[in-house]
Structure formats: C-alpha cells, structure tokens
Amino acid sequence: MHFPGFTDQDFQVFSIEGLDERMMALKTLVRPKLELLGKTFAPDLSTLTGDEMFEHVAKHARRTKNPPSDTWVAFSNSKRGYKMLPHFQIGLWGTHLFIWYAVIYEAPKKKEIGQKLEQHLAEIQKQIPSHFVWSGDHMKPDATKMETIGTEGLQQLFIRLQTVKKAEVLCGRHIPRTEVIKMNGEDLINAIHETFVHLIPLYHLQ
C-alpha cells in the first residue's frame, strides 16, 4: 500500500463552508489517506506496544450543524472504540498534522494514569524530545512545546488529569502544513513511526 502524503488541497478542506460540503471533501480527499495510515500503523503500533492495536477512522457521524475542524485516525487495543482507552492518533487541522498519544476525558482510568505520569515525571522529561508538544484539550489546535512547558507545567497537567473530570493529556508532535505538503509519503511514514517510538513509554504508564 503506497501512501501518497498530504497535499495543500487536503488541508484546504477545513476552509470549505457548510457541513455537507466539507464532509463530502473529507470523505473524498482525506479519509482514504487516513484509512491507508490506519492499515500501515495498526500493525506497527501492535509491534511497538506489544498489544494488538486496531484503527478507528473518524466518521463525524453525530454532527448535524457544525462542520469538523479536524479529522483523524486513532489506534487502540480494542475493536470497539478508542475514546475510553489510552490511544494514539494521526490527524489534520487546517494548520498542521498531529501525531498524538492521548488520554482524553472519557477514559475511566484517568486518575490512575495521571498518578503514574506524575510519579515518572523525571523519566518523561528525559524520554520526550524537546520539539514534541503537550496539550490538555484535544478539541483545541494549540499545544505547548516540551522545551517550554517545564517541570511545573507537566506536573500541573498530570495532577489535573487526576482531579478534573474533563481533563486530558496529549503528547506528540505537530508538523506545520507548510512542511507536511513538502514531504513525500515515505518521509511522512518515517516521521510518524519515529514519533510513536518516542511515545511508547507513555503508553506503558497505565
């Protein structure tokens, strides 16, 4: 399966007005590429994590009014879904591609995961590259670089995961749109794989 990479046209989908019009463009242009990434990285992540991983391509089926601002393929060790589990994501906003390890608000074991993250904070700071980013909300496109978040910022993120119902933790990489469209499929596959390799230790803290 040859992955062709992403084009500027793929990112322009998020500028299309109207739910039906944007969804049609997503289904035609972007979703086939996410499905390809799903078939590529489900076995790759199964090897890296030691768990059988399954891909879940976003369908945005519940939307009735507002068109999606981002889209993704997620990976978890369950065929049934991913939102309640620690998982991985590859996806697009209009401005960048994201590659995440994510624990989002639906996860019932957030408190325990937050405790383990806090306990291993020093190790995490050594393991995660400085150009990686952290986020506390998967619904927002912005994130904070590892090199600027600091010990206190990470600790606050991990404590919040333990204590706040809607709290989330995401760690990974943002690649700007301008860079993504210059990368061929093989380059992008390699970049995603390399990112996941760095994120695996976080996955095992659960």
Protein backbone atom coordinates (compact mmCIF):
# COMPACT_ATOMS: atom_id res chain seq x y z
CA MET A 1 0.00 0.00 0.00
CA HIS A 2 1.59 3.25 -1.15
CA PHE A 3 0.80 6.29 0.99
CA PRO A 4 0.96 9.41 -1.22
CA GLY A 5 1.35 12.00 1.54
CA PHE A 6 -0.85 15.05 2.12
CA THR A 7 -1.35 17.99 -0.24
CA ASP A 8 -2.37 21.59 0.30
CA GLN A 9 -5.78 20.62 -1.08
CA ASP A 10 -6.22 18.19 1.82
CA PHE A 11 -5.69 21.00 4.32
CA GLN A 12 -7.95 23.38 2.37
CA VAL A 13 -10.87 21.04 3.13
CA PHE A 14 -11.18 22.73 6.52
CA SER A 15 -11.89 26.08 4.81
CA ILE A 16 -14.94 24.73 2.96
CA GLU A 17 -18.19 26.23 4.25
CA GLY A 18 -21.13 24.01 5.17
CA LEU A 19 -21.32 20.64 6.90
CA ASP A 20 -22.35 18.57 3.85
CA GLU A 21 -19.83 20.23 1.55
CA ARG A 22 -16.92 19.81 3.97
CA MET A 23 -17.88 16.23 4.82
CA MET A 24 -18.00 15.34 1.12
CA ALA A 25 -14.49 16.73 0.62
CA LEU A 26 -13.22 14.94 3.74
CA LYS A 27 -14.66 11.62 2.57
CA THR A 28 -13.26 12.04 -0.94
CA LEU A 29 -9.81 13.51 -0.27
CA VAL A 30 -8.69 12.92 3.31
CA ARG A 31 -10.43 9.81 4.63
CA PRO A 32 -8.85 7.40 2.09
CA LYS A 33 -5.42 8.61 3.22
CA LEU A 34 -6.32 8.18 6.89
CA GLU A 35 -7.53 4.66 6.12
CA LEU A 36 -4.16 3.94 4.49
CA LEU A 37 -2.36 5.26 7.57
CA GLY A 38 -4.63 3.09 9.69
CA LYS A 39 -3.68 -0.06 7.77
CA THR A 40 0.00 0.93 7.98
CA PHE A 41 0.25 1.81 11.65
CA ALA A 42 -2.12 -0.67 13.33
CA PRO A 43 0.44 -3.48 12.85
CA ASP A 44 3.35 -1.11 13.53
CA LEU A 45 1.85 0.00 16.85
CA SER A 46 0.96 -3.60 17.70
CA THR A 47 4.65 -4.44 17.45
CA LEU A 48 5.76 -1.33 19.36
CA THR A 49 3.26 -1.66 22.22
CA GLY A 50 3.02 -5.45 22.50
CA ASP A 51 -0.80 -5.14 22.32
CA GLU A 52 -2.90 -5.85 19.24
CA MET A 53 -3.95 -2.41 18.00
CA PHE A 54 -6.97 -1.53 15.87
CA GLU A 55 -7.52 1.55 13.71
CA HIS A 56 -10.57 3.81 14.05
CA VAL A 57 -11.06 6.44 11.34
CA ALA A 58 -13.14 9.45 12.44
CA LYS A 59 -16.59 9.43 10.81
CA HIS A 60 -18.01 12.63 12.41
CA ALA A 61 -21.39 10.87 12.22
CA ARG A 62 -23.07 12.77 15.06
CA ARG A 63 -22.59 16.18 13.51
CA THR A 64 -25.76 17.89 12.34
CA LYS A 65 -24.70 21.52 12.05
CA ASN A 66 -21.05 22.50 12.55
CA PRO A 67 -18.51 21.05 10.10
CA PRO A 68 -15.47 19.35 11.69
CA SER A 69 -12.38 21.48 12.27
CA ASP A 70 -10.07 18.46 12.32
CA THR A 71 -10.09 14.78 11.42
CA TRP A 72 -8.01 11.75 12.38
CA VAL A 73 -7.38 8.04 12.59
CA ALA A 74 -7.00 6.68 16.13
CA PHE A 75 -5.45 3.44 17.35
CA SER A 76 -6.39 1.47 20.46
CA ASN A 77 -6.21 -2.10 21.72
CA SER A 78 -9.98 -2.51 21.30
CA LYS A 79 -12.01 -3.15 18.15
CA ARG A 80 -14.99 -1.43 19.76
CA GLY A 81 -13.52 2.04 20.18
CA TYR A 82 -10.70 4.19 21.48
CA LYS A 83 -12.05 7.15 23.47
CA MET A 84 -12.18 5.31 26.80
CA LEU A 85 -8.63 3.97 26.39
CA PRO A 86 -5.15 5.43 26.15
CA HIS A 87 -4.65 5.66 22.39
CA PHE A 88 -2.68 7.11 19.51
CA GLN A 89 -3.85 9.50 16.80
CA ILE A 90 -2.72 10.80 13.42
CA GLY A 91 -4.74 13.66 12.01
CA LEU A 92 -5.09 17.09 10.46
CA TRP A 93 -6.17 20.55 11.48
CA GLY A 94 -6.16 23.22 8.79
CA THR A 95 -2.78 24.41 10.07
CA HIS A 96 -0.84 21.23 10.85
CA LEU A 97 -0.63 17.46 11.08
CA PHE A 98 -0.72 15.98 14.59
CA ILE A 99 0.66 12.72 15.93
CA TRP A 100 -0.53 12.07 19.48
CA TYR A 101 -0.51 9.74 22.42
CA ALA A 102 -3.77 10.66 24.12
CA VAL A 103 -5.74 10.11 27.30
CA ILE A 104 -8.99 12.02 26.83
CA TYR A 105 -11.84 12.85 29.18
CA GLU A 106 -13.87 9.69 28.52
CA ALA A 107 -11.10 7.44 29.89
CA PRO A 108 -12.28 5.92 33.21
CA LYS A 109 -8.73 5.23 34.45
CA LYS A 110 -7.55 8.82 34.08
CA LYS A 111 -6.78 9.20 37.77
CA GLU A 112 -4.51 6.16 37.89
CA ILE A 113 -2.77 7.14 34.63
CA GLY A 114 -2.27 10.68 35.93
CA GLN A 115 -0.69 9.31 39.10
CA LYS A 116 1.74 7.16 37.13
CA LEU A 117 2.65 10.04 34.84
CA GLU A 118 3.34 12.23 37.87
CA GLN A 119 5.42 9.51 39.54
CA HIS A 120 7.55 9.12 36.39
CA LEU A 121 7.82 12.84 35.60
CA ALA A 122 11.63 12.93 35.68
CA GLU A 123 11.89 9.95 33.31
CA ILE A 124 9.34 11.50 30.96
CA GLN A 125 11.37 14.70 30.79
CA LYS A 126 14.39 12.68 29.66
CA GLN A 127 12.46 10.50 27.20
CA ILE A 128 10.34 13.06 25.33
CA PRO A 129 12.23 15.16 22.74
CA SER A 130 12.28 18.93 23.24
CA HIS A 131 10.38 19.66 19.99
CA PHE A 132 7.43 17.46 21.00
CA VAL A 133 4.31 19.17 22.34
CA TRP A 134 1.78 18.72 25.17
CA SER A 135 -1.91 19.56 25.31
CA GLY A 136 -4.71 19.36 27.86
CA ASP A 137 -7.57 19.56 25.34
CA HIS A 138 -7.88 17.55 22.12
CA MET A 139 -10.56 19.95 20.87
CA LYS A 140 -8.07 22.82 20.53
CA PRO A 141 -5.32 23.04 17.90
CA ASP A 142 -2.70 24.75 20.07
CA ALA A 143 -0.15 22.95 22.25
CA THR A 144 2.94 23.71 24.35
CA LYS A 145 6.42 22.59 23.40
CA MET A 146 8.28 20.22 25.71
CA GLU A 147 11.17 22.68 25.92
CA THR A 148 8.91 25.40 27.33
CA ILE A 149 6.33 23.59 29.48
CA GLY A 150 8.81 22.90 32.31
CA THR A 151 8.53 20.61 35.32
CA GLU A 152 5.78 22.67 36.94
CA GLY A 153 3.70 22.76 33.76
CA LEU A 154 3.91 19.00 33.32
CA GLN A 155 3.09 18.36 36.96
CA GLN A 156 0.02 20.58 36.73
CA LEU A 157 -1.10 18.71 33.60
CA PHE A 158 -0.72 15.33 35.32
CA ILE A 159 -2.41 16.44 38.57
CA ARG A 160 -5.29 17.92 36.59
CA LEU A 161 -5.77 14.55 34.89
CA GLN A 162 -6.24 13.02 38.33
CA THR A 163 -8.62 15.63 39.73
CA VAL A 164 -10.66 17.30 36.96
CA LYS A 165 -13.43 15.39 35.20
CA LYS A 166 -12.88 16.98 31.77
CA ALA A 167 -9.09 16.94 31.96
CA GLU A 168 -6.97 15.34 29.25
CA VAL A 169 -3.32 14.71 28.46
CA LEU A 170 -1.91 14.53 24.95
CA CYS A 171 1.72 14.33 23.94
CA GLY A 172 3.24 14.14 20.50
CA ARG A 173 4.26 16.16 17.54
CA HIS A 174 2.84 18.91 15.37
CA ILE A 175 4.20 19.24 11.83
CA PRO A 176 3.18 22.54 10.16
CA ARG A 177 1.10 22.39 7.00
CA THR A 178 3.88 24.08 5.02
CA GLU A 179 6.28 21.27 5.95
CA VAL A 180 3.81 18.41 5.51
CA ILE A 181 2.97 19.28 1.91
CA LYS A 182 6.69 19.17 1.03
CA MET A 183 7.12 15.66 2.47
CA ASN A 184 6.58 12.60 0.32
CA GLY A 185 4.64 9.62 1.65
CA GLU A 186 7.71 7.70 2.75
CA ASP A 187 9.14 10.67 4.64
CA LEU A 188 5.86 11.15 6.46
CA ILE A 189 5.56 7.46 7.34
CA ASN A 190 9.07 7.55 8.78
CA ALA A 191 8.35 10.72 10.79
CA ILE A 192 5.16 9.23 12.25
CA HIS A 193 6.89 5.96 13.14
CA GLU A 194 9.75 7.82 14.83
CA THR A 195 7.24 9.87 16.83
CA PHE A 196 5.39 6.78 18.01
CA VAL A 197 8.66 5.16 19.11
CA HIS A 198 9.25 8.10 21.48
CA LEU A 199 5.65 7.92 22.80
CA ILE A 200 5.56 4.20 23.63
CA PRO A 201 6.94 4.66 27.21
CA LEU A 202 3.93 6.90 27.96
CA TYR A 203 1.56 4.20 26.72
CA HIS A 204 3.07 1.71 29.15
CA LEU A 205 2.37 4.03 32.11
CA GLN A 206 -1.22 2.81 32.54
